[in-house]
N, C-alpha and C. Protein backbone atom coordinates (compact mmCIF):
# COMPACT_ATOMS: atom_id res chain seq x y z
N ARG A 1 7.03 -2.44 15.85
CA ARG A 1 5.98 -3.10 16.40
C ARG A 1 4.65 -3.26 15.49
N GLY A 2 4.52 -2.77 14.73
CA GLY A 2 3.30 -2.54 14.28
C GLY A 2 2.51 -1.16 14.26
N ARG A 3 1.63 -1.08 13.07
CA ARG A 3 0.46 0.08 13.12
C ARG A 3 -0.71 -0.19 13.79
N LEU A 4 -1.75 0.93 14.31
CA LEU A 4 -2.57 0.70 14.73
C LEU A 4 -3.51 2.02 14.24
N PHE A 5 -4.67 1.49 13.99
CA PHE A 5 -5.64 2.54 13.38
C PHE A 5 -7.09 2.18 14.18
N ALA A 6 -7.76 3.45 14.14
CA ALA A 6 -9.54 3.06 14.57
C ALA A 6 -9.89 3.63 13.84
N THR A 7 -11.36 2.65 13.72
CA THR A 7 -12.01 3.38 11.96
C THR A 7 -13.00 4.07 12.57
N PHE A 8 -13.82 4.67 13.83
CA PHE A 8 -14.67 5.52 14.11
C PHE A 8 -15.91 5.22 13.00
N GLN A 9 -16.97 3.90 13.78
CA GLN A 9 -17.66 3.44 12.80
C GLN A 9 -19.31 3.64 13.26
N ASN A 10 -19.01 5.19 13.95
CA ASN A 10 -20.83 5.20 14.49
C ASN A 10 -21.17 6.44 13.84
N PRO A 11 -21.77 6.35 12.83
CA PRO A 11 -22.13 7.65 12.37
C PRO A 11 -23.73 7.84 12.88
N THR A 12 -23.87 9.44 13.04
CA THR A 12 -25.22 9.46 13.57
C THR A 12 -26.60 8.72 12.72
N PRO A 13 -27.68 8.83 12.78
CA PRO A 13 -28.76 8.63 11.99
C PRO A 13 -28.47 9.80 11.10
N GLU A 14 -28.54 10.86 11.06
CA GLU A 14 -28.28 12.03 10.06
C GLU A 14 -27.21 11.27 8.96
N GLN A 15 -25.56 11.00 9.31
CA GLN A 15 -24.77 11.06 8.91
C GLN A 15 -24.78 9.54 8.25
N HIS A 16 -25.48 8.77 8.88
CA HIS A 16 -25.25 6.94 8.16
C HIS A 16 -25.71 7.05 6.91
N GLY A 17 -26.59 7.54 5.99
CA GLY A 17 -26.99 7.62 4.21
C GLY A 17 -25.57 8.07 3.94
N LEU A 18 -25.03 9.37 4.15
CA LEU A 18 -23.74 9.81 3.30
C LEU A 18 -22.58 8.59 3.65
N TRP A 19 -22.39 8.32 4.71
CA TRP A 19 -21.49 7.67 4.99
C TRP A 19 -21.46 6.34 4.54
N VAL A 20 -22.62 6.01 4.22
CA VAL A 20 -22.84 4.50 3.05
C VAL A 20 -22.49 4.59 1.85
N SER A 21 -22.97 5.93 1.29
CA SER A 21 -22.59 6.51 0.16
C SER A 21 -21.37 6.53 -0.81
N LYS A 22 -20.89 7.05 0.99
CA LYS A 22 -19.33 7.14 0.42
C LYS A 22 -18.27 5.83 0.79
N GLY A 23 -19.17 5.04 0.82
CA GLY A 23 -18.54 3.61 1.29
C GLY A 23 -18.13 3.03 2.31
N MET A 24 -19.07 3.52 3.69
CA MET A 24 -18.93 2.62 4.70
C MET A 24 -19.21 0.94 4.82
N VAL A 25 -18.19 0.56 5.26
CA VAL A 25 -18.60 -1.06 5.04
C VAL A 25 -19.09 -1.41 6.62
N LYS A 26 -20.43 -2.08 6.97
CA LYS A 26 -20.77 -2.93 8.04
C LYS A 26 -19.86 -3.47 8.44
N GLY A 27 -19.67 -3.39 10.33
CA GLY A 27 -19.01 -4.80 10.56
C GLY A 27 -17.57 -4.28 10.62
N VAL A 28 -16.79 -3.48 10.15
CA VAL A 28 -15.41 -3.02 10.15
C VAL A 28 -15.03 -2.87 11.90
N ALA A 29 -14.04 -3.60 12.05
CA ALA A 29 -13.57 -3.65 13.42
C ALA A 29 -13.27 -2.27 13.95
N ASP A 30 -13.18 -2.20 14.95
CA ASP A 30 -13.00 -0.93 15.84
C ASP A 30 -11.56 -0.32 15.97
N LEU A 31 -10.67 -1.45 15.76
CA LEU A 31 -8.92 -1.38 15.63
C LEU A 31 -9.01 -2.01 14.53
N ILE A 32 -8.01 -1.62 13.91
CA ILE A 32 -6.98 -2.47 12.97
C ILE A 32 -5.58 -2.47 13.20
N TRP A 33 -4.74 -3.52 13.38
CA TRP A 33 -3.06 -3.18 13.78
C TRP A 33 -2.70 -4.09 12.61
N ILE A 34 -1.51 -3.66 11.49
CA ILE A 34 -1.11 -4.29 10.94
C ILE A 34 0.11 -4.49 11.45
N ASP A 35 0.55 -5.65 11.41
CA ASP A 35 2.03 -5.76 11.97
C ASP A 35 3.27 -6.17 11.35
N ASN A 36 4.40 -6.39 12.05
CA ASN A 36 5.47 -6.30 11.02
C ASN A 36 5.51 -6.88 9.92
N GLU A 37 4.84 -7.82 9.64
CA GLU A 37 4.90 -8.71 8.28
C GLU A 37 3.53 -8.06 7.40
N ASN A 38 3.06 -7.03 7.85
CA ASN A 38 2.13 -6.17 6.95
C ASN A 38 0.69 -6.92 6.90
N ARG A 39 0.06 -7.73 7.95
CA ARG A 39 -0.78 -8.41 8.17
C ARG A 39 -1.84 -8.22 8.84
N ILE A 40 -3.14 -8.23 8.60
CA ILE A 40 -4.30 -7.19 9.22
C ILE A 40 -4.72 -7.79 10.70
N VAL A 41 -4.93 -7.73 11.78
CA VAL A 41 -5.32 -8.18 13.10
C VAL A 41 -6.51 -7.38 13.32
N GLY A 42 -8.09 -7.47 13.26
CA GLY A 42 -8.73 -7.26 13.62
C GLY A 42 -9.02 -6.87 15.11
N ILE A 43 -9.59 -6.03 15.49
CA ILE A 43 -9.63 -6.07 17.23
C ILE A 43 -11.26 -4.89 17.42
N GLU A 44 -12.22 -6.04 17.90
CA GLU A 44 -13.47 -5.29 18.06
C GLU A 44 -13.71 -5.16 19.31
N VAL A 45 -13.78 -3.98 19.99
CA VAL A 45 -13.50 -3.41 21.22
C VAL A 45 -15.01 -3.67 22.07
N LYS A 46 -15.60 -4.58 23.28
CA LYS A 46 -16.73 -4.79 23.33
C LYS A 46 -16.60 -4.88 24.95
N HIS A 47 -17.69 -3.78 25.39
CA HIS A 47 -17.63 -3.80 27.32
C HIS A 47 -18.38 -5.12 27.77
N PRO A 48 -17.20 -5.60 28.50
CA PRO A 48 -18.44 -7.12 29.07
C PRO A 48 -19.52 -7.12 29.69
N GLU A 49 -19.80 -5.83 29.87
CA GLU A 49 -21.43 -5.38 30.71
C GLU A 49 -22.70 -5.41 29.81
N MET A 50 -22.04 -4.60 28.90
CA MET A 50 -23.12 -4.36 28.05
C MET A 50 -23.56 -5.26 26.84
N GLU A 51 -25.10 -5.01 26.24
CA GLU A 51 -25.94 -5.55 25.60
C GLU A 51 -25.35 -5.31 24.29
N HIS A 52 -25.12 -6.82 23.35
CA HIS A 52 -25.14 -5.70 22.06
C HIS A 52 -25.78 -6.80 21.24
N HIS A 53 -26.63 -6.26 20.02
CA HIS A 53 -27.40 -6.33 19.16
C HIS A 53 -26.76 -7.84 18.33
N ARG A 54 -27.71 -8.72 18.36
CA ARG A 54 -27.41 -10.13 17.14
C ARG A 54 -27.04 -9.82 15.80
N SER A 55 -27.54 -8.78 15.44
CA SER A 55 -27.81 -8.50 13.73
C SER A 55 -26.03 -7.64 13.66
N THR A 56 -25.86 -6.89 14.82
CA THR A 56 -24.48 -6.19 14.71
C THR A 56 -23.28 -6.82 15.09
N LEU A 57 -23.25 -8.10 15.89
CA LEU A 57 -22.50 -8.95 16.30
C LEU A 57 -21.96 -9.77 15.29
N ILE A 58 -22.90 -10.27 14.40
CA ILE A 58 -23.03 -10.96 13.18
C ILE A 58 -22.19 -10.65 12.26
N ASP A 59 -22.28 -9.11 11.88
CA ASP A 59 -21.63 -8.26 10.91
C ASP A 59 -20.27 -8.21 11.24
N GLN A 60 -19.90 -7.89 12.40
CA GLN A 60 -18.50 -7.79 13.15
C GLN A 60 -18.12 -9.18 12.94
N ALA A 61 -18.31 -10.33 13.45
CA ALA A 61 -18.00 -11.19 13.48
C ALA A 61 -17.48 -11.88 12.47
N ASN A 62 -18.34 -11.75 10.82
CA ASN A 62 -17.94 -11.96 9.54
C ASN A 62 -17.05 -11.61 9.06
N TRP A 63 -16.98 -10.36 9.51
CA TRP A 63 -16.03 -9.19 9.17
C TRP A 63 -14.46 -9.91 9.72
N LEU A 64 -14.55 -10.08 11.10
CA LEU A 64 -13.58 -10.29 11.46
C LEU A 64 -12.45 -11.35 10.66
N ILE A 65 -13.55 -12.99 10.50
CA ILE A 65 -13.42 -13.81 10.07
C ILE A 65 -12.80 -13.78 8.50
N ASN A 66 -13.63 -12.79 7.87
CA ASN A 66 -13.30 -13.02 6.37
C ASN A 66 -12.45 -11.94 5.75
N ASN A 67 -11.79 -10.68 6.77
CA ASN A 67 -11.01 -9.65 6.35
C ASN A 67 -9.87 -9.91 7.25
N CYS A 68 -9.73 -10.57 8.39
CA CYS A 68 -8.26 -10.53 8.79
C CYS A 68 -7.33 -11.71 8.67
N TYR A 69 -6.00 -11.55 9.25
CA TYR A 69 -5.27 -12.53 9.24
C TYR A 69 -5.38 -13.16 10.56
N ARG A 70 -5.72 -12.24 11.70
CA ARG A 70 -6.56 -12.86 13.01
C ARG A 70 -7.40 -11.60 13.43
N GLY A 71 -8.84 -12.11 13.81
CA GLY A 71 -9.28 -11.23 14.56
C GLY A 71 -10.17 -11.50 15.78
N TYR A 72 -10.43 -10.37 16.52
CA TYR A 72 -10.97 -11.08 17.79
C TYR A 72 -12.33 -10.06 18.11
N PHE A 73 -12.84 -10.65 19.31
CA PHE A 73 -13.68 -9.42 19.91
C PHE A 73 -12.60 -8.97 21.24
N CYS A 74 -12.53 -8.15 21.83
CA CYS A 74 -11.60 -7.81 22.96
C CYS A 74 -12.43 -7.28 24.37
N THR A 75 -12.65 -7.33 25.34
CA THR A 75 -13.40 -6.95 26.39
C THR A 75 -12.17 -6.34 27.54
N SER A 76 -11.05 -6.03 27.15
CA SER A 76 -10.28 -5.63 28.25
C SER A 76 -8.82 -5.37 27.95
N VAL A 77 -7.92 -4.11 28.38
CA VAL A 77 -7.10 -3.65 28.40
C VAL A 77 -6.10 -4.70 28.42
N GLU A 78 -5.42 -5.79 29.53
CA GLU A 78 -5.06 -7.16 29.32
C GLU A 78 -5.31 -7.80 27.93
N MET A 79 -6.50 -8.44 27.69
CA MET A 79 -6.82 -9.15 26.26
C MET A 79 -6.46 -8.26 25.16
N PHE A 80 -6.68 -6.73 25.22
CA PHE A 80 -5.86 -5.87 23.63
C PHE A 80 -4.34 -6.22 23.91
N TRP A 81 -3.77 -6.34 24.84
CA TRP A 81 -2.22 -6.62 24.91
C TRP A 81 -1.80 -7.68 24.12
N ARG A 82 -2.76 -8.71 24.90
CA ARG A 82 -2.17 -10.13 24.69
C ARG A 82 -2.55 -10.18 22.55
N ILE A 83 -3.27 -9.98 22.53
CA ILE A 83 -3.85 -9.49 21.11
C ILE A 83 -2.69 -9.29 20.23
N LEU A 84 -1.94 -8.40 20.83
CA LEU A 84 -0.66 -7.23 20.06
C LEU A 84 0.33 -8.42 20.18
N ASP A 85 0.40 -9.16 20.94
CA ASP A 85 1.61 -9.70 21.55
C ASP A 85 1.54 -11.15 21.03
N GLY A 86 0.40 -11.59 19.86
CA GLY A 86 0.36 -12.72 19.70
C GLY A 86 -0.58 -13.82 19.93
N GLY A 87 -1.20 -13.29 20.96
CA GLY A 87 -2.20 -13.78 21.76
C GLY A 87 -3.59 -14.28 20.75
N ASP A 88 -4.49 -14.57 22.02
CA ASP A 88 -5.62 -14.46 21.16
C ASP A 88 -6.48 -13.70 22.13
N GLY A 89 -8.00 -12.82 21.12
CA GLY A 89 -9.22 -12.80 22.46
C GLY A 89 -10.39 -13.57 22.02
N ILE A 90 -11.62 -12.92 22.10
CA ILE A 90 -12.85 -13.58 22.12
C ILE A 90 -13.12 -14.37 20.18
N ASP A 91 -12.58 -15.57 19.90
CA ASP A 91 -12.73 -15.89 18.63
C ASP A 91 -14.32 -15.43 18.24
N PRO A 92 -14.17 -14.75 16.91
CA PRO A 92 -15.35 -14.17 16.53
C PRO A 92 -16.31 -15.63 16.01
N LYS A 93 -15.86 -16.76 15.65
CA LYS A 93 -16.57 -18.10 15.72
C LYS A 93 -17.29 -18.39 16.54
N LYS A 94 -16.86 -18.34 17.93
CA LYS A 94 -17.56 -18.42 19.39
C LYS A 94 -18.87 -17.53 19.47
N VAL A 95 -18.27 -16.43 19.08
CA VAL A 95 -19.54 -15.06 19.03
C VAL A 95 -20.40 -15.79 18.46
N LEU A 96 -20.20 -16.19 16.54
CA LEU A 96 -21.55 -16.31 15.84
C LEU A 96 -22.44 -17.70 16.56
N LYS A 97 -21.51 -18.93 17.17
CA LYS A 97 -22.23 -19.84 17.64
C LYS A 97 -23.31 -19.55 18.67
N TYR A 98 -22.65 -18.57 19.56
CA TYR A 98 -23.21 -18.14 20.70
C TYR A 98 -24.80 -17.08 20.05
N VAL A 99 -24.77 -16.54 19.34
CA VAL A 99 -25.56 -15.53 19.02
C VAL A 99 -26.67 -16.38 18.68
N ASP A 100 -26.25 -17.64 17.61
CA ASP A 100 -27.49 -17.93 17.29
C ASP A 100 -28.48 -18.59 18.05
N LYS A 101 -28.15 -18.49 19.35
CA LYS A 101 -29.19 -18.81 20.34
C LYS A 101 -29.45 -17.77 21.10
N SER A 102 -29.35 -16.41 20.64
CA SER A 102 -29.70 -15.58 21.93
C SER A 102 -29.88 -14.10 20.64
N SER A 103 -30.96 -13.12 21.07
CA SER A 103 -31.11 -11.78 20.24
C SER A 103 -30.26 -10.78 21.05
N THR A 104 -29.53 -11.13 21.88
CA THR A 104 -28.23 -10.13 22.50
C THR A 104 -27.44 -10.71 23.18
N VAL A 105 -26.07 -10.45 23.39
CA VAL A 105 -24.96 -10.78 23.88
C VAL A 105 -24.34 -10.13 25.24
N LYS A 106 -24.08 -10.41 26.21
CA LYS A 106 -23.57 -9.50 27.39
C LYS A 106 -21.78 -10.71 27.10
N PHE A 107 -20.82 -9.59 26.92
CA PHE A 107 -19.45 -10.53 26.25
C PHE A 107 -19.06 -11.00 27.57
N LYS A 108 -19.30 -10.99 28.99
CA LYS A 108 -18.29 -11.68 30.06
C LYS A 108 -18.89 -13.27 29.93
N VAL A 109 -20.38 -13.36 29.76
CA VAL A 109 -20.42 -14.44 29.37
C VAL A 109 -19.20 -15.82 28.24
N LEU A 110 -18.76 -14.47 27.60
CA LEU A 110 -17.98 -14.99 26.12
C LEU A 110 -16.52 -15.02 26.63
N ASP A 111 -16.01 -14.25 27.65
CA ASP A 111 -14.48 -13.70 28.06
C ASP A 111 -13.68 -15.59 28.20
N LEU A 112 -12.47 -15.24 27.59
CA LEU A 112 -11.63 -16.53 28.04
C LEU A 112 -11.13 -16.52 29.35
């Protein structure tokens, strides 16, 4: 069915400089799924009630758009399985349009 990897990109302030010097890339999705055709599907997991900063969302959305065969923001277990089954999640282009008007975003307003 494919291979799923977690990236764990949340260094402490003390770790941040070291991680960046070792090649950490801003905005990489929380989960990377390699499908049966070896294509990258990026899944950025968000809690629908939490607020997220504009700059972080822009980095994440751009990474999903520019580096993945398919890439989505995901706010539920059901959405996660839908993405793995070939469906969609929250389009990162939709997120970019929304954050253009706001400094923070709650994902429940973007849910499909």
